[in-house]
Amino acid sequence: MKCMFCGCPDSKVIDSRTAEDGTVIRRRRECVNCGKRFTTYETVENTPVFVVKNGGARQVFDPNKIKMGIIRACEKRPVPSAAIDKLVDDIQKKINNSLVQEISSREIGEMVCEGLKEIDEVSYIRFASVYRSFTDTTSFMQELEKMIVKKGGKK
């Protein structure tokens, strides 16, 4: 690391610590030429992920949009905010770990549906009714019947 005081390209690390919940490494350095000390921070470089909408438009992935949709679906339901935060974090990690630069809004919607199905079935139906554009009660009933069959129940 180049010294900010004298420009010498050599320095030695005196101390390293994690900062900001382990996402940043703080390094205290000393210049081998002038002996002055300075601090550097090391972070992971994030490349943005783009969401490809149904119409072909692209937007930068924003986990807050997912969170707002989930909160709307869970309104007046006994769903803890910690469960919502965990679902959003899980989806965000899954997208980031996939190492893709683009993901379709449909794939994200399916991830939300799967997660909500585990958390609260009513919230799942609410989200799915908007996401899958249920047009009538038949669409609604078909989705409910799928859930009942998966649970091992009868129609």
C-alpha atoms as a PDB file:
ATOM      1  CA  MET A   1       0.000   0.000   0.000  1.00  0.00           C
ATOM      2  CA  LYS A   2       1.394   3.377  -1.036  1.00  0.00           C
ATOM      3  CA  CYS A   3       2.141   5.767   1.849  1.00  0.00           C
ATOM      4  CA  MET A   4      -0.140   8.791   1.777  1.00  0.00           C
ATOM      5  CA  PHE A   5       2.567  11.018   3.298  1.00  0.00           C
ATOM      6  CA  CYS A   6       5.728  10.287   1.295  1.00  0.00           C
ATOM      7  CA  GLY A   7       4.427   8.131  -1.569  1.00  0.00           C
ATOM      8  CA  CYS A   8       6.638   5.148  -0.749  1.00  0.00           C
ATOM      9  CA  PRO A   9       5.079   1.969  -2.207  1.00  0.00           C
ATOM     10  CA  ASP A  10       6.050  -0.145   0.810  1.00  0.00           C
ATOM     11  CA  SER A  11       4.314  -0.305   4.165  1.00  0.00           C
ATOM     12  CA  LYS A  12       3.891  -2.930   6.818  1.00  0.00           C
ATOM     13  CA  VAL A  13       0.668  -3.960   8.558  1.00  0.00           C
ATOM     14  CA  ILE A  14       0.811  -3.321  12.310  1.00  0.00           C
ATOM     15  CA  ASP A  15      -2.742  -4.316  13.231  1.00  0.00           C
ATOM     16  CA  SER A  16      -5.780  -5.862  11.461  1.00  0.00           C
ATOM     17  CA  ARG A  17      -9.336  -5.885  12.798  1.00  0.00           C
ATOM     18  CA  THR A  18     -12.747  -6.575  11.395  1.00  0.00           C
ATOM     19  CA  ALA A  19     -15.225  -3.726  11.354  1.00  0.00           C
ATOM     20  CA  GLU A  20     -18.878  -3.206  10.407  1.00  0.00           C
ATOM     21  CA  ASP A  21     -20.132  -6.693  11.290  1.00  0.00           C
ATOM     22  CA  GLY A  22     -17.207  -8.453   9.656  1.00  0.00           C
ATOM     23  CA  THR A  23     -17.761  -6.981   6.184  1.00  0.00           C
ATOM     24  CA  VAL A  24     -14.747  -4.671   6.363  1.00  0.00           C
ATOM     25  CA  ILE A  25     -11.146  -5.223   7.459  1.00  0.00           C
ATOM     26  CA  ARG A  26      -9.429  -2.239   9.072  1.00  0.00           C
ATOM     27  CA  ARG A  27      -5.646  -2.293   8.753  1.00  0.00           C
ATOM     28  CA  ARG A  28      -3.241  -0.020  10.631  1.00  0.00           C
ATOM     29  CA  ARG A  29      -0.085   0.417   8.552  1.00  0.00           C
ATOM     30  CA  GLU A  30       3.355   1.964   8.997  1.00  0.00           C
ATOM     31  CA  CYS A  31       5.447   3.325   6.149  1.00  0.00           C
ATOM     32  CA  VAL A  32       8.880   1.671   5.931  1.00  0.00           C
ATOM     33  CA  ASN A  33      10.387   4.902   4.545  1.00  0.00           C
ATOM     34  CA  CYS A  34       9.066   7.753   6.734  1.00  0.00           C
ATOM     35  CA  GLY A  35       7.680   5.741   9.675  1.00  0.00           C
ATOM     36  CA  LYS A  36       4.293   7.498   9.672  1.00  0.00           C
ATOM     37  CA  ARG A  37       1.174   5.468  10.373  1.00  0.00           C
ATOM     38  CA  PHE A  38      -2.100   5.398   8.464  1.00  0.00           C
ATOM     39  CA  THR A  39      -5.267   3.316   8.289  1.00  0.00           C
ATOM     40  CA  THR A  40      -6.712   1.466   5.290  1.00  0.00           C
ATOM     41  CA  TYR A  41     -10.014  -0.354   4.882  1.00  0.00           C
ATOM     42  CA  GLU A  42     -10.556  -3.455   2.797  1.00  0.00           C
ATOM     43  CA  THR A  43     -14.030  -4.341   1.516  1.00  0.00           C
ATOM     44  CA  VAL A  44     -15.476  -6.817  -0.951  1.00  0.00           C
ATOM     45  CA  GLU A  45     -16.205  -5.274  -4.320  1.00  0.00           C
ATOM     46  CA  ASN A  46     -19.888  -5.662  -5.138  1.00  0.00           C
ATOM     47  CA  THR A  47     -21.025  -5.740  -8.729  1.00  0.00           C
ATOM     48  CA  PRO A  48     -24.648  -4.701  -9.131  1.00  0.00           C
ATOM     49  CA  VAL A  49     -27.275  -7.277 -10.029  1.00  0.00           C
ATOM     50  CA  PHE A  50     -29.935  -6.167 -12.492  1.00  0.00           C
ATOM     51  CA  VAL A  51     -33.555  -7.281 -12.346  1.00  0.00           C
ATOM     52  CA  VAL A  52     -35.080  -7.912 -15.757  1.00  0.00           C
ATOM     53  CA  LYS A  53     -38.752  -6.957 -15.637  1.00  0.00           C
ATOM     54  CA  ASN A  54     -41.456  -8.721 -17.667  1.00  0.00           C
ATOM     55  CA  GLY A  55     -41.400  -5.922 -20.261  1.00  0.00           C
ATOM     56  CA  GLY A  56     -37.630  -6.231 -20.699  1.00  0.00           C
ATOM     57  CA  ALA A  57     -36.702  -3.156 -18.656  1.00  0.00           C
ATOM     58  CA  ARG A  58     -33.727  -3.509 -16.313  1.00  0.00           C
ATOM     59  CA  GLN A  59     -33.355  -2.093 -12.803  1.00  0.00           C
ATOM     60  CA  VAL A  60     -30.687  -2.422 -10.137  1.00  0.00           C
ATOM     61  CA  PHE A  61     -31.711  -5.056  -7.588  1.00  0.00           C
ATOM     62  CA  ASP A  62     -33.198  -3.400  -4.497  1.00  0.00           C
ATOM     63  CA  PRO A  63     -34.007  -5.680  -1.527  1.00  0.00           C
ATOM     64  CA  ASN A  64     -36.182  -2.916  -0.054  1.00  0.00           C
ATOM     65  CA  LYS A  65     -38.700  -3.422  -2.868  1.00  0.00           C
ATOM     66  CA  ILE A  66     -38.981  -7.095  -1.947  1.00  0.00           C
ATOM     67  CA  LYS A  67     -39.359  -6.200   1.715  1.00  0.00           C
ATOM     68  CA  MET A  68     -42.163  -3.721   1.010  1.00  0.00           C
ATOM     69  CA  GLY A  69     -44.065  -6.321  -1.036  1.00  0.00           C
ATOM     70  CA  ILE A  70     -43.697  -8.901   1.724  1.00  0.00           C
ATOM     71  CA  ILE A  71     -44.783  -6.399   4.383  1.00  0.00           C
ATOM     72  CA  ARG A  72     -47.922  -5.611   2.338  1.00  0.00           C
ATOM     73  CA  ALA A  73     -48.712  -9.320   2.036  1.00  0.00           C
ATOM     74  CA  CYS A  74     -48.187  -9.868   5.779  1.00  0.00           C
ATOM     75  CA  GLU A  75     -50.245  -6.861   6.862  1.00  0.00           C
ATOM     76  CA  LYS A  76     -52.504  -7.654   9.847  1.00  0.00           C
ATOM     77  CA  ARG A  77     -51.027 -11.159  10.083  1.00  0.00           C
ATOM     78  CA  PRO A  78     -49.066 -12.588  13.027  1.00  0.00           C
ATOM     79  CA  VAL A  79     -45.777 -12.559  11.131  1.00  0.00           C
ATOM     80  CA  PRO A  80     -42.794 -11.279  13.131  1.00  0.00           C
ATOM     81  CA  SER A  81     -40.688  -8.611  11.459  1.00  0.00           C
ATOM     82  CA  ALA A  82     -37.640 -10.779  12.130  1.00  0.00           C
ATOM     83  CA  ALA A  83     -39.124 -13.463   9.855  1.00  0.00           C
ATOM     84  CA  ILE A  84     -39.639 -10.894   7.099  1.00  0.00           C
ATOM     85  CA  ASP A  85     -36.074  -9.601   7.484  1.00  0.00           C
ATOM     86  CA  LYS A  86     -34.703 -13.148   7.402  1.00  0.00           C
ATOM     87  CA  LEU A  87     -36.649 -13.951   4.228  1.00  0.00           C
ATOM     88  CA  VAL A  88     -35.366 -10.797   2.505  1.00  0.00           C
ATOM     89  CA  ASP A  89     -31.795 -11.567   3.641  1.00  0.00           C
ATOM     90  CA  ASP A  90     -32.084 -15.181   2.430  1.00  0.00           C
ATOM     91  CA  ILE A  91     -33.311 -14.050  -0.990  1.00  0.00           C
ATOM     92  CA  GLN A  92     -30.585 -11.413  -1.225  1.00  0.00           C
ATOM     93  CA  LYS A  93     -27.888 -13.962  -0.290  1.00  0.00           C
ATOM     94  CA  LYS A  94     -29.252 -16.480  -2.780  1.00  0.00           C
ATOM     95  CA  ILE A  95     -29.153 -13.894  -5.575  1.00  0.00           C
ATOM     96  CA  ASN A  96     -25.657 -12.649  -4.649  1.00  0.00           C
ATOM     97  CA  ASN A  97     -24.281 -16.185  -4.255  1.00  0.00           C
ATOM     98  CA  SER A  98     -25.624 -17.211  -7.662  1.00  0.00           C
ATOM     99  CA  LEU A  99     -23.018 -14.866  -9.202  1.00  0.00           C
ATOM    100  CA  VAL A 100     -25.456 -13.799 -11.938  1.00  0.00           C
ATOM    101  CA  GLN A 101     -25.452 -10.244 -13.219  1.00  0.00           C
ATOM    102  CA  GLU A 102     -29.111 -10.383 -14.239  1.00  0.00           C
ATOM    103  CA  ILE A 103     -32.126 -12.120 -12.740  1.00  0.00           C
ATOM    104  CA  SER A 104     -35.727 -12.051 -13.878  1.00  0.00           C
ATOM    105  CA  SER A 105     -38.398 -10.516 -11.673  1.00  0.00           C
ATOM    106  CA  ARG A 106     -40.278 -13.812 -12.096  1.00  0.00           C
ATOM    107  CA  GLU A 107     -37.459 -15.749 -10.392  1.00  0.00           C
ATOM    108  CA  ILE A 108     -37.431 -13.288  -7.497  1.00  0.00           C
ATOM    109  CA  GLY A 109     -41.216 -13.533  -7.194  1.00  0.00           C
ATOM    110  CA  GLU A 110     -40.985 -17.331  -7.006  1.00  0.00           C
ATOM    111  CA  MET A 111     -38.356 -17.076  -4.248  1.00  0.00           C
ATOM    112  CA  VAL A 112     -40.671 -14.771  -2.284  1.00  0.00           C
ATOM    113  CA  CYS A 113     -43.622 -17.140  -2.800  1.00  0.00           C
ATOM    114  CA  GLU A 114     -41.641 -20.149  -1.578  1.00  0.00           C
ATOM    115  CA  GLY A 115     -40.453 -18.266   1.489  1.00  0.00           C
ATOM    116  CA  LEU A 116     -43.895 -16.886   2.347  1.00  0.00           C
ATOM    117  CA  LYS A 117     -45.425 -20.335   1.961  1.00  0.00           C
ATOM    118  CA  GLU A 118     -43.207 -21.482   4.845  1.00  0.00           C
ATOM    119  CA  ILE A 119     -43.890 -18.416   7.014  1.00  0.00           C
ATOM    120  CA  ASP A 120     -47.630 -17.806   6.629  1.00  0.00           C
ATOM    121  CA  GLU A 121     -50.021 -19.356   4.112  1.00  0.00           C
ATOM    122  CA  VAL A 122     -52.450 -16.426   4.120  1.00  0.00           C
ATOM    123  CA  SER A 123     -49.627 -13.992   3.379  1.00  0.00           C
ATOM    124  CA  TYR A 124     -48.465 -16.333   0.629  1.00  0.00           C
ATOM    125  CA  ILE A 125     -51.927 -16.330  -0.982  1.00  0.00           C
ATOM    126  CA  ARG A 126     -52.073 -12.537  -0.750  1.00  0.00           C
ATOM    127  CA  PHE A 127     -48.674 -12.161  -2.402  1.00  0.00           C
ATOM    128  CA  ALA A 128     -49.400 -14.817  -5.026  1.00  0.00           C
ATOM    129  CA  SER A 129     -52.742 -13.241  -5.916  1.00  0.00           C
ATOM    130  CA  VAL A 130     -50.984 -10.021  -6.939  1.00  0.00           C
ATOM    131  CA  TYR A 131     -47.776 -11.590  -8.266  1.00  0.00           C
ATOM    132  CA  ARG A 132     -49.543 -14.226 -10.374  1.00  0.00           C
ATOM    133  CA  SER A 133     -52.358 -11.837 -11.321  1.00  0.00           C
ATOM    134  CA  PHE A 134     -55.314 -13.912 -10.160  1.00  0.00           C
ATOM    135  CA  THR A 135     -58.214 -12.702 -12.281  1.00  0.00           C
ATOM    136  CA  ASP A 136     -61.104 -14.466 -10.592  1.00  0.00           C
ATOM    137  CA  THR A 137     -62.084 -16.793  -7.765  1.00  0.00           C
ATOM    138  CA  THR A 138     -61.257 -19.833  -9.907  1.00  0.00           C
ATOM    139  CA  SER A 139     -57.572 -18.838 -10.036  1.00  0.00           C
ATOM    140  CA  PHE A 140     -57.672 -18.301  -6.303  1.00  0.00           C
ATOM    141  CA  MET A 141     -59.273 -21.694  -5.642  1.00  0.00           C
ATOM    142  CA  GLN A 142     -56.807 -23.510  -7.906  1.00  0.00           C
ATOM    143  CA  GLU A 143     -53.903 -22.136  -5.877  1.00  0.00           C
ATOM    144  CA  LEU A 144     -55.600 -23.091  -2.603  1.00  0.00           C
ATOM    145  CA  GLU A 145     -56.269 -26.613  -3.918  1.00  0.00           C
ATOM    146  CA  LYS A 146     -52.566 -26.992  -4.824  1.00  0.00           C
ATOM    147  CA  MET A 147     -51.659 -26.054  -1.254  1.00  0.00           C
ATOM    148  CA  ILE A 148     -54.170 -28.507   0.210  1.00  0.00           C
ATOM    149  CA  VAL A 149     -52.922 -31.352  -1.996  1.00  0.00           C
ATOM    150  CA  LYS A 150     -49.290 -30.625  -1.038  1.00  0.00           C
ATOM    151  CA  LYS A 151     -50.238 -30.753   2.638  1.00  0.00           C
ATOM    152  CA  GLY A 152     -51.783 -34.162   2.103  1.00  0.00           C
ATOM    153  CA  GLY A 153     -55.359 -33.013   2.654  1.00  0.00           C
ATOM    154  CA  LYS A 154     -58.431 -33.616   0.563  1.00  0.00           C
ATOM    155  CA  LYS A 155     -60.355 -31.222  -1.634  1.00  0.00           C
END
